[in-house]
């Protein structure tokens, strides 16, 4: 692990999907998801640049099991852009589940990126939808702001955090995941697979205390 990472204005903290539906009592609760909030808040207070993401799915979204007769969450279907895991209805605009966790200090963020609003296309990554072509606009924002390094925290490690980290590496950013500020769903050992996939792409892994805030 890196030690005593010193931050500059070229660094941005990307906080992924710390929303009620991914926390305790939510429609798609990540085990122990609430526990990332204190760490994320401390990190946000120490970074000069912060971005938040929100899952933002309209009712009837293609990724919802309820949109497919006879299907249940965690089953898969094939869509034009590939294999899609089906989820419970979650993060629907206008519902409490789509809101940020009430203890999240969102005041520190300069930008909020909402993803997954296309009803026919899911979006895990903060940078691209799951067709790997449709951009969210975050990449351009990062370039215009002069960001060189991304530090990622939030939910869920094995899906939206991982996809965001890998896309950011493909786009040429240095990427670090802060391991005590993320939690995973862990479907069929997906957490272990995510760490391995990110390591293979050069994503660094540190803890909160390694960051010199």
N, C-alpha and C. Protein backbone atom coordinates (compact mmCIF):
# COMPACT_ATOMS: atom_id res chain seq x y z
N UNK A 1 0.83 -1.20 0.00
CA UNK A 1 0.00 0.00 0.00
C UNK A 1 0.86 1.26 0.00
N UNK A 2 0.34 2.28 -0.65
CA UNK A 2 1.00 3.57 -0.58
C UNK A 2 0.85 4.13 0.84
N UNK A 3 1.78 4.93 1.26
CA UNK A 3 1.71 5.55 2.57
C UNK A 3 1.75 7.07 2.42
N UNK A 4 1.00 7.76 3.27
CA UNK A 4 1.05 9.21 3.34
C UNK A 4 0.88 9.87 1.96
N UNK A 5 -0.22 9.53 1.31
CA UNK A 5 -0.53 10.14 0.02
C UNK A 5 -0.86 11.61 0.24
N UNK A 6 -0.10 12.48 -0.40
CA UNK A 6 -0.34 13.92 -0.26
C UNK A 6 -1.20 14.42 -1.42
N UNK A 7 -2.20 15.19 -1.07
CA UNK A 7 -3.19 15.62 -2.04
C UNK A 7 -2.83 16.96 -2.66
N UNK A 8 -3.31 17.15 -3.89
CA UNK A 8 -3.14 18.42 -4.58
C UNK A 8 -4.44 18.77 -5.27
N UNK A 9 -4.46 19.91 -5.95
CA UNK A 9 -5.67 20.34 -6.65
C UNK A 9 -5.93 19.49 -7.89
N UNK A 10 -5.01 18.61 -8.24
CA UNK A 10 -5.20 17.69 -9.37
C UNK A 10 -5.85 16.39 -8.93
N UNK A 11 -6.23 16.29 -7.66
CA UNK A 11 -6.84 15.09 -7.11
C UNK A 11 -8.32 15.34 -6.85
N UNK A 12 -9.14 14.32 -7.12
CA UNK A 12 -10.57 14.42 -6.86
C UNK A 12 -11.05 13.17 -6.15
N UNK A 13 -11.89 13.36 -5.14
CA UNK A 13 -12.54 12.25 -4.47
C UNK A 13 -13.88 12.00 -5.15
N UNK A 14 -14.05 10.79 -5.66
CA UNK A 14 -15.29 10.38 -6.30
C UNK A 14 -16.06 9.48 -5.32
N UNK A 15 -17.19 9.97 -4.87
CA UNK A 15 -18.01 9.23 -3.90
C UNK A 15 -19.19 8.63 -4.65
N UNK A 16 -19.22 7.31 -4.70
CA UNK A 16 -20.16 6.59 -5.56
C UNK A 16 -21.39 6.11 -4.78
N UNK A 17 -22.55 6.62 -5.15
CA UNK A 17 -23.87 6.05 -4.81
C UNK A 17 -24.10 5.78 -3.32
N UNK A 18 -23.76 6.73 -2.47
CA UNK A 18 -24.06 6.57 -1.04
C UNK A 18 -25.50 7.04 -0.83
N UNK A 19 -26.42 6.19 -1.24
CA UNK A 19 -27.85 6.50 -1.27
C UNK A 19 -28.61 5.56 -0.34
N UNK A 20 -29.80 5.99 0.05
CA UNK A 20 -30.57 5.22 1.03
C UNK A 20 -30.87 3.80 0.57
N UNK A 21 -31.12 3.60 -0.72
CA UNK A 21 -31.45 2.26 -1.18
C UNK A 21 -30.27 1.30 -1.10
N UNK A 22 -29.05 1.82 -0.99
CA UNK A 22 -27.88 0.96 -0.85
C UNK A 22 -27.42 0.83 0.60
N UNK A 23 -28.16 1.44 1.50
CA UNK A 23 -27.81 1.40 2.92
C UNK A 23 -28.86 0.63 3.69
N UNK A 24 -28.69 0.52 4.99
CA UNK A 24 -29.56 -0.30 5.83
C UNK A 24 -31.03 0.03 5.59
N UNK A 25 -31.83 -1.02 5.35
CA UNK A 25 -33.25 -0.84 5.11
C UNK A 25 -33.61 -0.49 3.70
N UNK A 26 -32.62 -0.32 2.83
CA UNK A 26 -32.87 0.05 1.44
C UNK A 26 -33.27 -1.13 0.58
N UNK A 27 -33.77 -0.83 -0.60
CA UNK A 27 -34.23 -1.86 -1.51
C UNK A 27 -33.12 -2.78 -2.00
N UNK A 28 -31.91 -2.27 -2.06
CA UNK A 28 -30.74 -3.04 -2.50
C UNK A 28 -29.59 -2.77 -1.54
N UNK A 29 -29.84 -3.04 -0.27
CA UNK A 29 -28.89 -2.70 0.78
C UNK A 29 -27.58 -3.48 0.63
N UNK A 30 -26.47 -2.76 0.63
CA UNK A 30 -25.14 -3.35 0.63
C UNK A 30 -24.79 -3.69 2.08
N UNK A 31 -24.37 -4.92 2.36
CA UNK A 31 -24.04 -5.27 3.74
C UNK A 31 -23.07 -4.27 4.36
N UNK A 32 -23.45 -3.73 5.50
CA UNK A 32 -22.61 -2.78 6.24
C UNK A 32 -22.40 -1.48 5.46
N UNK A 33 -23.25 -1.19 4.52
CA UNK A 33 -23.06 -0.01 3.67
C UNK A 33 -23.03 1.29 4.43
N UNK A 34 -23.84 1.40 5.49
CA UNK A 34 -23.89 2.65 6.26
C UNK A 34 -22.54 3.02 6.86
N UNK A 35 -21.72 2.00 7.11
CA UNK A 35 -20.47 2.25 7.84
C UNK A 35 -19.46 3.06 7.05
N UNK A 36 -19.68 3.24 5.73
CA UNK A 36 -18.72 4.04 4.95
C UNK A 36 -18.92 5.53 5.18
N UNK A 37 -20.08 5.93 5.69
CA UNK A 37 -20.42 7.35 5.73
C UNK A 37 -19.44 8.18 6.57
N UNK A 38 -19.10 7.78 7.80
CA UNK A 38 -18.15 8.60 8.56
C UNK A 38 -16.80 8.76 7.85
N UNK A 39 -16.29 7.68 7.27
CA UNK A 39 -15.01 7.75 6.56
C UNK A 39 -15.12 8.65 5.34
N UNK A 40 -16.20 8.50 4.58
CA UNK A 40 -16.41 9.34 3.40
C UNK A 40 -16.49 10.81 3.78
N UNK A 41 -17.18 11.11 4.86
CA UNK A 41 -17.30 12.50 5.30
C UNK A 41 -15.95 13.10 5.67
N UNK A 42 -15.13 12.32 6.38
CA UNK A 42 -13.80 12.82 6.73
C UNK A 42 -12.96 13.06 5.48
N UNK A 43 -13.06 12.15 4.53
CA UNK A 43 -12.30 12.30 3.29
C UNK A 43 -12.75 13.53 2.51
N UNK A 44 -14.06 13.70 2.38
CA UNK A 44 -14.56 14.84 1.63
C UNK A 44 -14.08 16.16 2.22
N UNK A 45 -14.00 16.21 3.53
CA UNK A 45 -13.56 17.44 4.19
C UNK A 45 -12.11 17.77 3.86
N UNK A 46 -11.32 16.75 3.47
CA UNK A 46 -9.90 16.96 3.22
C UNK A 46 -9.52 17.15 1.77
N UNK A 47 -10.43 16.83 0.84
CA UNK A 47 -10.15 16.99 -0.59
C UNK A 47 -10.60 18.36 -1.07
N UNK A 48 -9.85 18.93 -1.99
CA UNK A 48 -10.25 20.21 -2.57
C UNK A 48 -11.34 20.04 -3.62
N UNK A 49 -11.39 18.87 -4.25
CA UNK A 49 -12.39 18.62 -5.29
C UNK A 49 -13.09 17.30 -5.00
N UNK A 50 -14.43 17.33 -5.03
CA UNK A 50 -15.26 16.17 -4.70
C UNK A 50 -16.39 16.07 -5.71
N UNK A 51 -16.65 14.85 -6.17
CA UNK A 51 -17.81 14.59 -7.03
C UNK A 51 -18.62 13.45 -6.41
N UNK A 52 -19.93 13.55 -6.50
CA UNK A 52 -20.83 12.50 -6.03
C UNK A 52 -21.57 11.91 -7.22
N UNK A 53 -21.92 10.63 -7.12
CA UNK A 53 -22.81 10.04 -8.11
C UNK A 53 -24.07 9.54 -7.43
N UNK A 54 -25.14 9.51 -8.22
CA UNK A 54 -26.41 8.93 -7.79
C UNK A 54 -26.93 8.01 -8.87
N UNK A 55 -27.30 6.77 -8.48
CA UNK A 55 -28.13 5.97 -9.36
C UNK A 55 -29.47 6.69 -9.51
N UNK A 56 -30.04 6.66 -10.72
CA UNK A 56 -31.21 7.50 -11.00
C UNK A 56 -32.09 6.80 -12.03
N UNK A 57 -32.84 5.79 -11.57
CA UNK A 57 -33.55 4.89 -12.48
C UNK A 57 -35.05 5.20 -12.54
N UNK A 58 -35.59 5.46 -13.72
CA UNK A 58 -37.03 5.64 -13.82
C UNK A 58 -37.78 4.34 -13.55
N UNK A 59 -39.03 4.46 -13.17
CA UNK A 59 -39.86 3.27 -12.97
C UNK A 59 -39.90 2.46 -14.27
N UNK A 60 -39.89 1.13 -14.13
CA UNK A 60 -39.89 0.27 -15.31
C UNK A 60 -38.53 0.11 -15.96
N UNK A 61 -37.47 0.51 -15.26
CA UNK A 61 -36.12 0.42 -15.83
C UNK A 61 -35.80 -1.01 -16.22
N UNK A 62 -35.04 -1.16 -17.30
CA UNK A 62 -34.73 -2.49 -17.84
C UNK A 62 -33.94 -3.35 -16.87
N UNK A 63 -33.25 -2.75 -15.90
CA UNK A 63 -32.46 -3.53 -14.95
C UNK A 63 -33.28 -4.04 -13.77
N UNK A 64 -34.56 -3.66 -13.68
CA UNK A 64 -35.41 -4.10 -12.58
C UNK A 64 -36.03 -5.46 -12.91
N UNK A 65 -35.94 -6.39 -11.98
CA UNK A 65 -36.57 -7.70 -12.18
C UNK A 65 -38.07 -7.56 -12.41
N UNK A 66 -38.67 -6.55 -11.76
CA UNK A 66 -40.11 -6.35 -11.90
C UNK A 66 -40.53 -5.96 -13.32
N UNK A 67 -39.57 -5.56 -14.14
CA UNK A 67 -39.87 -5.19 -15.52
C UNK A 67 -39.92 -6.38 -16.46
N UNK A 68 -39.64 -7.58 -15.93
CA UNK A 68 -39.56 -8.78 -16.76
C UNK A 68 -40.40 -9.88 -16.12
N UNK A 69 -41.44 -10.28 -16.77
CA UNK A 69 -42.39 -11.24 -16.21
C UNK A 69 -41.70 -12.54 -15.82
N UNK A 70 -41.95 -12.98 -14.59
CA UNK A 70 -41.43 -14.25 -14.12
C UNK A 70 -40.00 -14.21 -13.62
N UNK A 71 -39.34 -13.05 -13.68
CA UNK A 71 -37.95 -12.95 -13.25
C UNK A 71 -37.87 -12.42 -11.83
N UNK A 72 -36.78 -12.77 -11.15
CA UNK A 72 -36.56 -12.32 -9.78
C UNK A 72 -35.17 -11.72 -9.68
N UNK A 73 -34.93 -10.87 -8.66
CA UNK A 73 -33.60 -10.25 -8.51
C UNK A 73 -32.48 -11.27 -8.47
N UNK A 74 -31.36 -10.86 -9.09
CA UNK A 74 -30.10 -11.60 -9.23
C UNK A 74 -30.13 -12.63 -10.35
N UNK A 75 -31.28 -12.82 -11.01
CA UNK A 75 -31.26 -13.57 -12.26
C UNK A 75 -30.67 -12.67 -13.34
N UNK A 76 -30.29 -13.25 -14.45
CA UNK A 76 -29.69 -12.47 -15.54
C UNK A 76 -30.48 -12.63 -16.83
N UNK A 77 -30.40 -11.61 -17.66
CA UNK A 77 -30.96 -11.65 -19.00
C UNK A 77 -29.91 -11.11 -19.96
N UNK A 78 -30.13 -11.37 -21.23
CA UNK A 78 -29.25 -10.84 -22.27
C UNK A 78 -29.92 -9.65 -22.94
N UNK A 79 -29.20 -8.54 -22.98
CA UNK A 79 -29.67 -7.32 -23.63
C UNK A 79 -28.71 -6.95 -24.75
N UNK A 80 -29.05 -6.01 -25.61
CA UNK A 80 -28.16 -5.67 -26.72
C UNK A 80 -26.75 -5.30 -26.29
N UNK A 81 -26.58 -4.79 -25.07
CA UNK A 81 -25.26 -4.40 -24.61
C UNK A 81 -24.58 -5.46 -23.74
N UNK A 82 -25.21 -6.64 -23.61
CA UNK A 82 -24.56 -7.72 -22.87
C UNK A 82 -25.44 -8.30 -21.78
N UNK A 83 -24.81 -9.07 -20.88
CA UNK A 83 -25.53 -9.71 -19.79
C UNK A 83 -25.90 -8.69 -18.72
N UNK A 84 -27.15 -8.71 -18.30
CA UNK A 84 -27.65 -7.78 -17.30
C UNK A 84 -28.14 -8.54 -16.07
N UNK A 85 -27.56 -8.26 -14.91
CA UNK A 85 -28.11 -8.76 -13.66
C UNK A 85 -29.36 -7.96 -13.35
N UNK A 86 -30.41 -8.64 -12.94
CA UNK A 86 -31.65 -7.97 -12.58
C UNK A 86 -31.66 -7.65 -11.09
N UNK A 87 -32.15 -6.46 -10.77
CA UNK A 87 -32.12 -5.95 -9.40
C UNK A 87 -33.52 -5.63 -8.92
N UNK A 88 -33.69 -5.53 -7.61
CA UNK A 88 -34.95 -4.97 -7.11
C UNK A 88 -35.09 -3.52 -7.59
N UNK A 89 -36.31 -3.03 -7.68
CA UNK A 89 -36.51 -1.62 -8.01
C UNK A 89 -35.75 -0.78 -6.99
N UNK A 90 -34.92 0.14 -7.47
CA UNK A 90 -34.12 0.94 -6.54
C UNK A 90 -33.78 2.30 -7.17
N UNK A 91 -33.53 3.27 -6.29
CA UNK A 91 -33.06 4.61 -6.68
C UNK A 91 -33.95 5.25 -7.74
N UNK A 92 -35.25 5.16 -7.51
CA UNK A 92 -36.23 5.78 -8.41
C UNK A 92 -36.38 7.25 -8.02
N UNK A 93 -36.19 8.18 -8.95
CA UNK A 93 -36.29 9.60 -8.61
C UNK A 93 -37.62 9.91 -7.91
N UNK A 94 -37.52 10.75 -6.89
CA UNK A 94 -38.70 11.13 -6.14
C UNK A 94 -39.00 10.23 -4.96
N UNK A 95 -38.21 9.15 -4.80
CA UNK A 95 -38.37 8.28 -3.65
C UNK A 95 -37.24 8.53 -2.66
N UNK A 96 -37.47 8.16 -1.40
CA UNK A 96 -36.45 8.31 -0.38
C UNK A 96 -35.21 7.48 -0.73
N UNK A 97 -35.42 6.34 -1.36
CA UNK A 97 -34.30 5.46 -1.69
C UNK A 97 -33.28 6.09 -2.61
N UNK A 98 -33.72 7.03 -3.44
CA UNK A 98 -32.80 7.70 -4.36
C UNK A 98 -31.99 8.80 -3.70
N UNK A 99 -32.44 9.25 -2.53
CA UNK A 99 -31.75 10.34 -1.84
C UNK A 99 -30.43 9.86 -1.25
N UNK A 100 -29.50 10.80 -1.08
CA UNK A 100 -28.27 10.47 -0.38
C UNK A 100 -28.57 10.07 1.07
N UNK A 101 -27.69 9.25 1.64
CA UNK A 101 -27.79 8.92 3.06
C UNK A 101 -27.89 10.23 3.84
N UNK A 102 -28.80 10.33 4.81
CA UNK A 102 -29.01 11.61 5.48
C UNK A 102 -27.79 12.14 6.22
N UNK A 103 -26.85 11.26 6.58
CA UNK A 103 -25.65 11.72 7.28
C UNK A 103 -24.51 12.08 6.34
N UNK A 104 -24.70 11.87 5.03
CA UNK A 104 -23.63 12.18 4.07
C UNK A 104 -23.49 13.70 3.94
N UNK A 105 -22.27 14.19 4.09
CA UNK A 105 -22.01 15.64 4.03
C UNK A 105 -21.86 16.08 2.57
N UNK A 106 -22.97 16.02 1.84
CA UNK A 106 -22.93 16.30 0.40
C UNK A 106 -22.56 17.75 0.10
N UNK A 107 -22.58 18.61 1.10
CA UNK A 107 -22.22 20.02 0.91
C UNK A 107 -20.79 20.18 0.39
N UNK A 108 -19.94 19.17 0.60
CA UNK A 108 -18.55 19.26 0.14
C UNK A 108 -18.41 19.07 -1.37
N UNK A 109 -19.42 18.55 -2.04
CA UNK A 109 -19.30 18.21 -3.46
C UNK A 109 -19.49 19.43 -4.36
N UNK A 110 -18.69 19.50 -5.42
CA UNK A 110 -18.86 20.55 -6.43
C UNK A 110 -19.76 20.10 -7.58
N UNK A 111 -19.94 18.78 -7.74
CA UNK A 111 -20.75 18.28 -8.85
C UNK A 111 -21.40 16.96 -8.44
N UNK A 112 -22.61 16.73 -8.95
CA UNK A 112 -23.34 15.47 -8.76
C UNK A 112 -23.66 14.91 -10.13
N UNK A 113 -23.27 13.66 -10.37
CA UNK A 113 -23.53 12.98 -11.63
C UNK A 113 -24.62 11.94 -11.41
N UNK A 114 -25.73 12.06 -12.14
CA UNK A 114 -26.80 11.08 -12.05
C UNK A 114 -26.71 10.14 -13.25
N UNK A 115 -26.76 8.85 -12.95
CA UNK A 115 -26.52 7.84 -13.98
C UNK A 115 -27.62 6.78 -13.97
N UNK A 116 -27.81 6.13 -15.11
CA UNK A 116 -28.82 5.08 -15.22
C UNK A 116 -30.21 5.61 -15.49
N UNK A 117 -30.32 6.85 -15.98
CA UNK A 117 -31.65 7.43 -16.21
C UNK A 117 -32.25 7.00 -17.54
N UNK A 118 -31.45 6.39 -18.44
CA UNK A 118 -31.99 5.83 -19.68
C UNK A 118 -32.74 4.54 -19.32
N UNK A 119 -34.03 4.45 -19.58
CA UNK A 119 -34.80 3.28 -19.14
C UNK A 119 -34.39 1.98 -19.79
N UNK A 120 -33.66 2.04 -20.89
CA UNK A 120 -33.27 0.83 -21.61
C UNK A 120 -31.80 0.49 -21.45
N UNK A 121 -31.11 1.16 -20.52
CA UNK A 121 -29.67 0.98 -20.41
C UNK A 121 -29.23 1.18 -18.97
N UNK A 122 -28.58 0.17 -18.39
CA UNK A 122 -28.09 0.32 -17.02
C UNK A 122 -26.77 1.06 -17.03
N UNK A 123 -26.37 1.53 -15.86
CA UNK A 123 -25.14 2.31 -15.75
C UNK A 123 -24.52 2.08 -14.38
N UNK A 124 -23.44 1.31 -14.35
CA UNK A 124 -22.69 1.13 -13.10
C UNK A 124 -21.62 2.21 -12.95
N UNK A 125 -20.87 2.42 -14.01
CA UNK A 125 -19.73 3.33 -13.96
C UNK A 125 -20.18 4.79 -13.86
N UNK A 126 -19.35 5.59 -13.19
CA UNK A 126 -19.59 7.03 -13.12
C UNK A 126 -19.23 7.72 -14.43
N UNK A 127 -18.54 7.02 -15.33
CA UNK A 127 -18.07 7.64 -16.57
C UNK A 127 -18.81 7.20 -17.81
N UNK A 128 -19.25 5.94 -17.87
CA UNK A 128 -19.91 5.41 -19.05
C UNK A 128 -21.07 4.51 -18.65
N UNK A 129 -22.12 4.51 -19.49
CA UNK A 129 -23.22 3.57 -19.30
C UNK A 129 -22.73 2.17 -19.66
N UNK A 130 -23.57 1.17 -19.39
CA UNK A 130 -23.12 -0.21 -19.54
C UNK A 130 -22.96 -0.66 -20.99
N UNK A 131 -23.35 0.17 -21.95
CA UNK A 131 -23.05 -0.17 -23.34
C UNK A 131 -21.60 0.17 -23.69
N UNK A 132 -20.87 0.77 -22.71
CA UNK A 132 -19.46 1.13 -22.83
C UNK A 132 -19.23 2.25 -23.83
N UNK A 133 -20.30 2.88 -24.33
CA UNK A 133 -20.17 3.95 -25.32
C UNK A 133 -20.75 5.28 -24.82
N UNK A 134 -21.91 5.21 -24.19
CA UNK A 134 -22.62 6.43 -23.78
C UNK A 134 -21.94 7.04 -22.56
N UNK A 135 -21.46 8.26 -22.71
CA UNK A 135 -20.73 8.92 -21.63
C UNK A 135 -21.68 9.67 -20.70
N UNK A 136 -21.31 9.71 -19.44
CA UNK A 136 -22.10 10.44 -18.44
C UNK A 136 -21.75 11.93 -18.41
N UNK A 137 -20.61 12.29 -18.97
CA UNK A 137 -20.13 13.68 -18.91
C UNK A 137 -19.06 13.91 -17.86
N UNK A 138 -18.86 12.92 -16.97
CA UNK A 138 -17.88 13.12 -15.90
C UNK A 138 -16.46 13.20 -16.45
N UNK A 139 -16.15 12.41 -17.46
CA UNK A 139 -14.80 12.44 -18.01
C UNK A 139 -14.42 13.84 -18.48
N UNK A 140 -15.33 14.49 -19.21
CA UNK A 140 -15.06 15.84 -19.67
C UNK A 140 -14.90 16.82 -18.51
N UNK A 141 -15.72 16.65 -17.49
CA UNK A 141 -15.62 17.51 -16.31
C UNK A 141 -14.25 17.36 -15.67
N UNK A 142 -13.79 16.13 -15.52
CA UNK A 142 -12.48 15.89 -14.90
C UNK A 142 -11.36 16.51 -15.72
N UNK A 143 -11.43 16.37 -17.03
CA UNK A 143 -10.40 16.95 -17.89
C UNK A 143 -10.40 18.47 -17.79
N UNK A 144 -11.58 19.06 -17.83
CA UNK A 144 -11.67 20.53 -17.76
C UNK A 144 -11.17 21.06 -16.42
N UNK A 145 -11.34 20.26 -15.38
CA UNK A 145 -10.88 20.67 -14.05
C UNK A 145 -9.40 20.37 -13.80
N UNK A 146 -8.75 19.70 -14.75
CA UNK A 146 -7.34 19.39 -14.60
C UNK A 146 -7.05 18.25 -13.64
N UNK A 147 -8.02 17.36 -13.48
CA UNK A 147 -7.83 16.24 -12.55
C UNK A 147 -6.90 15.20 -13.17
N UNK A 148 -5.96 14.75 -12.36
CA UNK A 148 -5.03 13.70 -12.79
C UNK A 148 -5.24 12.41 -12.01
N UNK A 149 -5.59 12.53 -10.73
CA UNK A 149 -5.76 11.34 -9.88
C UNK A 149 -7.18 11.31 -9.30
N UNK A 150 -7.79 10.12 -9.38
CA UNK A 150 -9.09 9.89 -8.77
C UNK A 150 -8.92 8.98 -7.56
N UNK A 151 -9.56 9.35 -6.47
CA UNK A 151 -9.66 8.51 -5.29
C UNK A 151 -11.14 8.16 -5.14
N UNK A 152 -11.44 6.88 -5.03
CA UNK A 152 -12.83 6.45 -5.09
C UNK A 152 -13.26 5.81 -3.78
N UNK A 153 -14.46 6.17 -3.34
CA UNK A 153 -15.10 5.61 -2.16
C UNK A 153 -16.57 5.39 -2.48
N UNK A 154 -17.26 4.59 -1.65
CA UNK A 154 -18.70 4.46 -1.82
C UNK A 154 -19.18 3.05 -2.03
N UNK A 155 -20.31 2.93 -2.75
CA UNK A 155 -21.05 1.68 -2.88
C UNK A 155 -21.45 1.45 -4.34
N UNK A 156 -21.50 0.22 -4.76
CA UNK A 156 -20.95 -0.96 -4.12
C UNK A 156 -19.62 -1.28 -4.80
N UNK A 157 -18.69 -1.76 -4.00
CA UNK A 157 -17.34 -2.01 -4.49
C UNK A 157 -17.32 -2.86 -5.75
N UNK A 158 -18.08 -3.94 -5.76
CA UNK A 158 -17.98 -4.93 -6.83
C UNK A 158 -18.80 -4.58 -8.07
N UNK A 159 -19.49 -3.47 -8.03
CA UNK A 159 -20.24 -3.03 -9.21
C UNK A 159 -19.87 -1.59 -9.57
N UNK A 160 -20.52 -0.62 -8.99
CA UNK A 160 -20.33 0.75 -9.45
C UNK A 160 -18.94 1.31 -9.14
N UNK A 161 -18.37 0.95 -7.99
CA UNK A 161 -17.01 1.39 -7.69
C UNK A 161 -16.02 0.76 -8.67
N UNK A 162 -16.12 -0.55 -8.84
CA UNK A 162 -15.20 -1.24 -9.74
C UNK A 162 -15.30 -0.71 -11.18
N UNK A 163 -16.51 -0.60 -11.70
CA UNK A 163 -16.68 -0.14 -13.08
C UNK A 163 -16.12 1.28 -13.25
N UNK A 164 -16.36 2.13 -12.24
CA UNK A 164 -15.84 3.49 -12.31
C UNK A 164 -14.32 3.50 -12.32
N UNK A 165 -13.72 2.68 -11.46
CA UNK A 165 -12.26 2.62 -11.37
C UNK A 165 -11.65 2.13 -12.68
N UNK A 166 -12.21 1.09 -13.25
CA UNK A 166 -11.65 0.53 -14.48
C UNK A 166 -11.81 1.49 -15.66
N UNK A 167 -12.97 2.14 -15.76
CA UNK A 167 -13.16 3.10 -16.84
C UNK A 167 -12.21 4.29 -16.69
N UNK A 168 -12.02 4.74 -15.46
CA UNK A 168 -11.10 5.87 -15.25
C UNK A 168 -9.68 5.49 -15.63
N UNK A 169 -9.26 4.27 -15.35
CA UNK A 169 -7.92 3.83 -15.77
C UNK A 169 -7.83 3.78 -17.29
N UNK A 170 -8.85 3.26 -17.94
CA UNK A 170 -8.84 3.21 -19.41
C UNK A 170 -8.75 4.60 -20.01
N UNK A 171 -9.30 5.58 -19.31
CA UNK A 171 -9.26 6.96 -19.79
C UNK A 171 -7.99 7.69 -19.38
N UNK A 172 -7.07 6.98 -18.73
CA UNK A 172 -5.76 7.55 -18.47
C UNK A 172 -5.57 8.21 -17.12
N UNK A 173 -6.54 8.10 -16.23
CA UNK A 173 -6.39 8.67 -14.89
C UNK A 173 -5.66 7.70 -13.97
N UNK A 174 -4.93 8.24 -13.02
CA UNK A 174 -4.43 7.42 -11.92
C UNK A 174 -5.60 7.20 -10.96
N UNK A 175 -5.76 5.97 -10.50
CA UNK A 175 -6.95 5.64 -9.70
C UNK A 175 -6.54 4.90 -8.43
N UNK A 176 -7.13 5.32 -7.33
CA UNK A 176 -6.92 4.67 -6.04
C UNK A 176 -8.28 4.44 -5.39
N UNK A 177 -8.50 3.24 -4.88
CA UNK A 177 -9.72 2.93 -4.12
C UNK A 177 -9.36 2.90 -2.64
N UNK A 178 -10.17 3.58 -1.84
CA UNK A 178 -9.92 3.65 -0.40
C UNK A 178 -10.73 2.54 0.26
N UNK A 179 -10.06 1.47 0.66
CA UNK A 179 -10.74 0.22 0.97
C UNK A 179 -11.64 0.27 2.20
N UNK A 180 -11.34 1.11 3.19
CA UNK A 180 -12.23 1.16 4.35
C UNK A 180 -13.38 2.14 4.14
N UNK A 181 -13.46 2.74 2.95
CA UNK A 181 -14.57 3.63 2.60
C UNK A 181 -15.42 3.05 1.49
N UNK A 182 -15.33 1.72 1.28
CA UNK A 182 -16.16 1.02 0.30
C UNK A 182 -16.71 -0.26 0.94
N UNK A 183 -17.83 -0.73 0.44
CA UNK A 183 -18.39 -2.02 0.81
C UNK A 183 -18.98 -2.64 -0.44
N UNK A 184 -19.05 -4.00 -0.46
CA UNK A 184 -19.54 -4.69 -1.64
C UNK A 184 -20.77 -5.53 -1.38
N UNK A 185 -21.46 -5.88 -2.47
CA UNK A 185 -22.63 -6.76 -2.39
C UNK A 185 -22.18 -8.21 -2.26
N UNK A 186 -21.16 -8.58 -3.02
CA UNK A 186 -20.55 -9.92 -3.01
C UNK A 186 -21.49 -10.99 -3.54
N UNK A 187 -21.76 -10.93 -4.83
CA UNK A 187 -22.53 -11.94 -5.54
C UNK A 187 -21.55 -12.92 -6.18
N UNK A 188 -21.54 -14.17 -5.73
CA UNK A 188 -20.64 -15.19 -6.28
C UNK A 188 -19.18 -14.74 -6.25
N UNK A 189 -18.73 -14.33 -5.05
CA UNK A 189 -17.34 -13.91 -4.82
C UNK A 189 -16.96 -12.69 -5.65
N UNK A 190 -17.94 -11.83 -5.95
CA UNK A 190 -17.67 -10.69 -6.82
C UNK A 190 -16.76 -9.65 -6.17
N UNK A 191 -16.69 -9.59 -4.83
CA UNK A 191 -15.79 -8.64 -4.19
C UNK A 191 -14.33 -9.01 -4.47
N UNK A 192 -13.99 -10.27 -4.25
CA UNK A 192 -12.61 -10.72 -4.51
C UNK A 192 -12.26 -10.54 -5.99
N UNK A 193 -13.19 -10.87 -6.87
CA UNK A 193 -12.95 -10.71 -8.30
C UNK A 193 -12.73 -9.24 -8.66
N UNK A 194 -13.48 -8.36 -8.00
CA UNK A 194 -13.35 -6.93 -8.29
C UNK A 194 -11.97 -6.42 -7.90
N UNK A 195 -11.50 -6.78 -6.70
CA UNK A 195 -10.16 -6.35 -6.28
C UNK A 195 -9.10 -6.84 -7.26
N UNK A 196 -9.22 -8.08 -7.72
CA UNK A 196 -8.24 -8.63 -8.65
C UNK A 196 -8.29 -7.91 -10.00
N UNK A 197 -9.50 -7.65 -10.48
CA UNK A 197 -9.64 -6.96 -11.76
C UNK A 197 -9.05 -5.55 -11.70
N UNK A 198 -9.31 -4.86 -10.60
CA UNK A 198 -8.79 -3.50 -10.46
C UNK A 198 -7.26 -3.51 -10.34
N UNK A 199 -6.73 -4.45 -9.57
CA UNK A 199 -5.27 -4.54 -9.43
C UNK A 199 -4.61 -4.80 -10.78
N UNK A 200 -5.25 -5.63 -11.60
CA UNK A 200 -4.67 -5.96 -12.90
C UNK A 200 -4.62 -4.76 -13.83
N UNK A 201 -5.44 -3.76 -13.55
CA UNK A 201 -5.47 -2.53 -14.37
C UNK A 201 -4.66 -1.40 -13.74
N UNK A 202 -3.98 -1.70 -12.64
CA UNK A 202 -3.13 -0.68 -12.02
C UNK A 202 -3.84 0.22 -11.04
N UNK A 203 -5.03 -0.19 -10.58
CA UNK A 203 -5.73 0.59 -9.56
C UNK A 203 -5.07 0.33 -8.22
N UNK A 204 -4.70 1.40 -7.53
CA UNK A 204 -4.08 1.26 -6.21
C UNK A 204 -5.13 1.11 -5.12
N UNK A 205 -4.71 0.56 -4.01
CA UNK A 205 -5.62 0.27 -2.89
C UNK A 205 -4.96 0.77 -1.61
N UNK A 206 -5.62 1.70 -0.95
CA UNK A 206 -5.08 2.26 0.28
C UNK A 206 -6.18 2.32 1.33
N UNK A 207 -5.82 2.74 2.54
CA UNK A 207 -6.79 2.96 3.60
C UNK A 207 -6.89 4.47 3.89
N UNK A 208 -7.94 4.84 4.58
CA UNK A 208 -8.17 6.25 4.85
C UNK A 208 -6.97 6.90 5.52
N UNK A 209 -6.35 6.18 6.47
CA UNK A 209 -5.23 6.80 7.22
C UNK A 209 -3.98 7.00 6.37
N UNK A 210 -3.97 6.40 5.17
CA UNK A 210 -2.83 6.60 4.27
C UNK A 210 -2.89 7.95 3.54
N UNK A 211 -4.03 8.61 3.62
CA UNK A 211 -4.22 9.88 2.93
C UNK A 211 -3.91 11.02 3.91
N UNK A 212 -2.98 11.87 3.53
CA UNK A 212 -2.60 13.01 4.37
C UNK A 212 -3.60 14.13 4.13
N UNK A 213 -4.65 14.15 4.93
CA UNK A 213 -5.71 15.13 4.76
C UNK A 213 -5.31 16.47 5.38
